Amino acid sequence: MLGIDGIKCYYPKHTEKQTEICLKICEIFNLFVTSGSDCHGTFETTKIGQMKTVPSQVKINFDIER
């Protein structure tokens, strides 16, 4: 069966409400929570590293300890 494994919940252009909705969907459907800047080149206004922190839900998904 094809589908998705996760949702980009943390994104610089998301409102707090959009983030909450994405997190809830991940919780309901047991999906990975991911984060990203969505930087795809010089025409983008967001840059790699713009999101300074890695949310705890993302750390848990990828077993990151720092």
N, C-alpha and C. Protein backbone atom coordinates (compact mmCIF):
# COMPACT_ATOMS: atom_id res chain seq x y z
N MET A 1 0.84 -1.18 0.00
CA MET A 1 0.00 0.00 0.00
C MET A 1 0.89 1.24 0.00
N LEU A 2 0.61 2.16 -0.88
CA LEU A 2 1.38 3.39 -0.95
C LEU A 2 0.78 4.42 -0.01
N GLY A 3 1.62 5.30 0.48
CA GLY A 3 1.15 6.34 1.38
C GLY A 3 2.30 7.23 1.78
N ILE A 4 2.16 7.82 2.94
CA ILE A 4 3.22 8.69 3.46
C ILE A 4 3.70 8.16 4.80
N ASP A 5 4.93 8.49 5.14
CA ASP A 5 5.51 8.09 6.41
C ASP A 5 5.54 9.23 7.41
N GLY A 6 5.43 10.47 6.92
CA GLY A 6 5.51 11.61 7.82
C GLY A 6 5.03 12.89 7.18
N ILE A 7 4.99 13.93 8.02
CA ILE A 7 4.56 15.26 7.58
C ILE A 7 5.56 16.29 8.09
N LYS A 8 5.88 17.25 7.24
CA LYS A 8 6.74 18.36 7.64
C LYS A 8 5.90 19.30 8.51
N CYS A 9 5.98 19.11 9.81
CA CYS A 9 5.16 19.89 10.76
C CYS A 9 5.81 21.22 11.12
N TYR A 10 7.12 21.23 11.18
CA TYR A 10 7.84 22.45 11.55
C TYR A 10 8.46 23.05 10.30
N TYR A 11 7.98 24.24 9.95
CA TYR A 11 8.35 24.90 8.71
C TYR A 11 8.28 26.41 8.96
N PRO A 12 9.26 27.18 8.50
CA PRO A 12 9.30 28.62 8.82
C PRO A 12 8.04 29.41 8.46
N LYS A 13 7.33 29.01 7.42
CA LYS A 13 6.16 29.78 6.99
C LYS A 13 4.84 29.29 7.61
N HIS A 14 4.90 28.20 8.39
CA HIS A 14 3.69 27.71 9.04
C HIS A 14 3.28 28.64 10.18
N THR A 15 1.98 28.81 10.34
CA THR A 15 1.48 29.49 11.53
C THR A 15 1.49 28.47 12.67
N GLU A 16 1.32 28.95 13.88
CA GLU A 16 1.27 28.04 15.03
C GLU A 16 0.11 27.05 14.87
N LYS A 17 -1.01 27.52 14.35
CA LYS A 17 -2.18 26.67 14.14
C LYS A 17 -1.89 25.59 13.11
N GLN A 18 -1.21 25.93 12.02
CA GLN A 18 -0.86 24.93 11.00
C GLN A 18 0.04 23.86 11.59
N THR A 19 1.00 24.27 12.40
CA THR A 19 1.89 23.31 13.06
C THR A 19 1.10 22.39 13.97
N GLU A 20 0.19 22.94 14.75
CA GLU A 20 -0.65 22.13 15.65
C GLU A 20 -1.47 21.10 14.88
N ILE A 21 -2.04 21.51 13.76
CA ILE A 21 -2.85 20.60 12.93
C ILE A 21 -1.99 19.46 12.39
N CYS A 22 -0.82 19.80 11.88
CA CYS A 22 0.09 18.77 11.36
C CYS A 22 0.50 17.79 12.45
N LEU A 23 0.82 18.31 13.63
CA LEU A 23 1.20 17.44 14.75
C LEU A 23 0.06 16.50 15.14
N LYS A 24 -1.15 17.01 15.15
CA LYS A 24 -2.31 16.19 15.50
C LYS A 24 -2.53 15.08 14.48
N ILE A 25 -2.38 15.40 13.20
CA ILE A 25 -2.53 14.39 12.15
C ILE A 25 -1.48 13.29 12.33
N CYS A 26 -0.25 13.69 12.64
CA CYS A 26 0.82 12.70 12.86
C CYS A 26 0.50 11.81 14.05
N GLU A 27 -0.04 12.40 15.09
CA GLU A 27 -0.40 11.63 16.28
C GLU A 27 -1.51 10.62 15.95
N ILE A 28 -2.53 11.07 15.27
CA ILE A 28 -3.68 10.21 14.94
C ILE A 28 -3.27 9.05 14.04
N PHE A 29 -2.44 9.31 13.04
CA PHE A 29 -2.10 8.29 12.04
C PHE A 29 -0.71 7.68 12.25
N ASN A 30 -0.09 7.97 13.41
CA ASN A 30 1.22 7.41 13.76
C ASN A 30 2.26 7.68 12.66
N LEU A 31 2.37 8.94 12.27
CA LEU A 31 3.31 9.37 11.24
C LEU A 31 4.52 10.05 11.86
N PHE A 32 5.64 10.07 11.13
CA PHE A 32 6.82 10.80 11.57
C PHE A 32 6.55 12.30 11.51
N VAL A 33 7.11 13.02 12.48
CA VAL A 33 7.09 14.48 12.51
C VAL A 33 8.43 14.94 11.96
N THR A 34 8.42 15.79 10.92
CA THR A 34 9.67 16.27 10.36
C THR A 34 9.71 17.79 10.34
N SER A 35 10.89 18.31 9.99
CA SER A 35 11.13 19.75 9.98
C SER A 35 11.97 20.09 8.77
N GLY A 36 11.86 21.31 8.28
CA GLY A 36 12.70 21.71 7.16
C GLY A 36 12.56 23.17 6.82
N SER A 37 13.57 23.68 6.14
CA SER A 37 13.55 25.09 5.72
C SER A 37 12.91 25.25 4.35
N ASP A 38 12.85 24.15 3.58
CA ASP A 38 12.32 24.15 2.22
C ASP A 38 13.17 25.00 1.28
N CYS A 39 14.45 25.10 1.56
CA CYS A 39 15.37 25.87 0.72
C CYS A 39 15.74 25.03 -0.51
N HIS A 40 15.36 25.53 -1.68
CA HIS A 40 15.62 24.80 -2.92
C HIS A 40 16.39 25.63 -3.94
N GLY A 41 17.07 26.66 -3.49
CA GLY A 41 17.85 27.44 -4.43
C GLY A 41 17.87 28.92 -4.09
N THR A 42 18.54 29.69 -4.93
CA THR A 42 18.75 31.11 -4.66
C THR A 42 17.48 31.93 -4.76
N PHE A 43 16.44 31.42 -5.40
CA PHE A 43 15.18 32.16 -5.54
C PHE A 43 14.32 32.08 -4.28
N GLU A 44 14.70 31.24 -3.32
CA GLU A 44 13.93 31.06 -2.09
C GLU A 44 14.27 32.14 -1.07
N THR A 45 13.28 32.51 -0.26
CA THR A 45 13.53 33.49 0.80
C THR A 45 13.97 32.82 2.09
N THR A 46 13.65 31.55 2.28
CA THR A 46 14.12 30.82 3.46
C THR A 46 15.44 30.14 3.12
N LYS A 47 16.30 30.04 4.11
CA LYS A 47 17.62 29.47 3.91
C LYS A 47 17.84 28.26 4.80
N ILE A 48 18.74 27.38 4.39
CA ILE A 48 19.12 26.24 5.21
C ILE A 48 19.65 26.76 6.53
N GLY A 49 19.19 26.16 7.61
CA GLY A 49 19.63 26.59 8.94
C GLY A 49 18.77 27.68 9.55
N GLN A 50 17.76 28.14 8.83
CA GLN A 50 16.89 29.19 9.36
C GLN A 50 16.18 28.73 10.63
N MET A 51 15.81 27.47 10.68
CA MET A 51 15.19 26.92 11.87
C MET A 51 16.30 26.50 12.81
N LYS A 52 16.53 27.28 13.83
CA LYS A 52 17.70 27.10 14.69
C LYS A 52 17.59 25.91 15.64
N THR A 53 16.39 25.48 15.98
CA THR A 53 16.23 24.37 16.92
C THR A 53 15.56 23.19 16.24
N VAL A 54 15.87 22.01 16.75
CA VAL A 54 15.22 20.80 16.27
C VAL A 54 14.16 20.43 17.31
N PRO A 55 12.89 20.48 16.94
CA PRO A 55 11.83 20.16 17.90
C PRO A 55 11.99 18.76 18.49
N SER A 56 11.55 18.59 19.73
CA SER A 56 11.72 17.31 20.43
C SER A 56 11.06 16.16 19.68
N GLN A 57 9.93 16.39 19.02
CA GLN A 57 9.27 15.32 18.28
C GLN A 57 10.15 14.81 17.14
N VAL A 58 10.90 15.69 16.52
CA VAL A 58 11.80 15.30 15.43
C VAL A 58 12.97 14.52 16.00
N LYS A 59 13.53 14.97 17.12
CA LYS A 59 14.64 14.27 17.76
C LYS A 59 14.26 12.84 18.11
N ILE A 60 13.05 12.65 18.64
CA ILE A 60 12.59 11.32 19.01
C ILE A 60 12.51 10.42 17.78
N ASN A 61 11.96 10.93 16.70
CA ASN A 61 11.80 10.14 15.48
C ASN A 61 13.13 9.65 14.92
N PHE A 62 14.16 10.44 15.05
CA PHE A 62 15.45 10.10 14.47
C PHE A 62 16.50 9.75 15.51
N ASP A 63 16.08 9.57 16.76
CA ASP A 63 16.96 9.18 17.86
C ASP A 63 18.18 10.09 17.94
N ILE A 64 17.94 11.40 17.90
CA ILE A 64 19.01 12.39 17.97
C ILE A 64 19.24 12.79 19.42
N GLU A 65 20.46 12.70 19.87
CA GLU A 65 20.83 13.14 21.22
C GLU A 65 21.93 14.18 21.10
N ARG A 66 21.66 15.41 21.56
CA ARG A 66 22.68 16.46 21.52
C ARG A 66 22.63 17.25 22.78
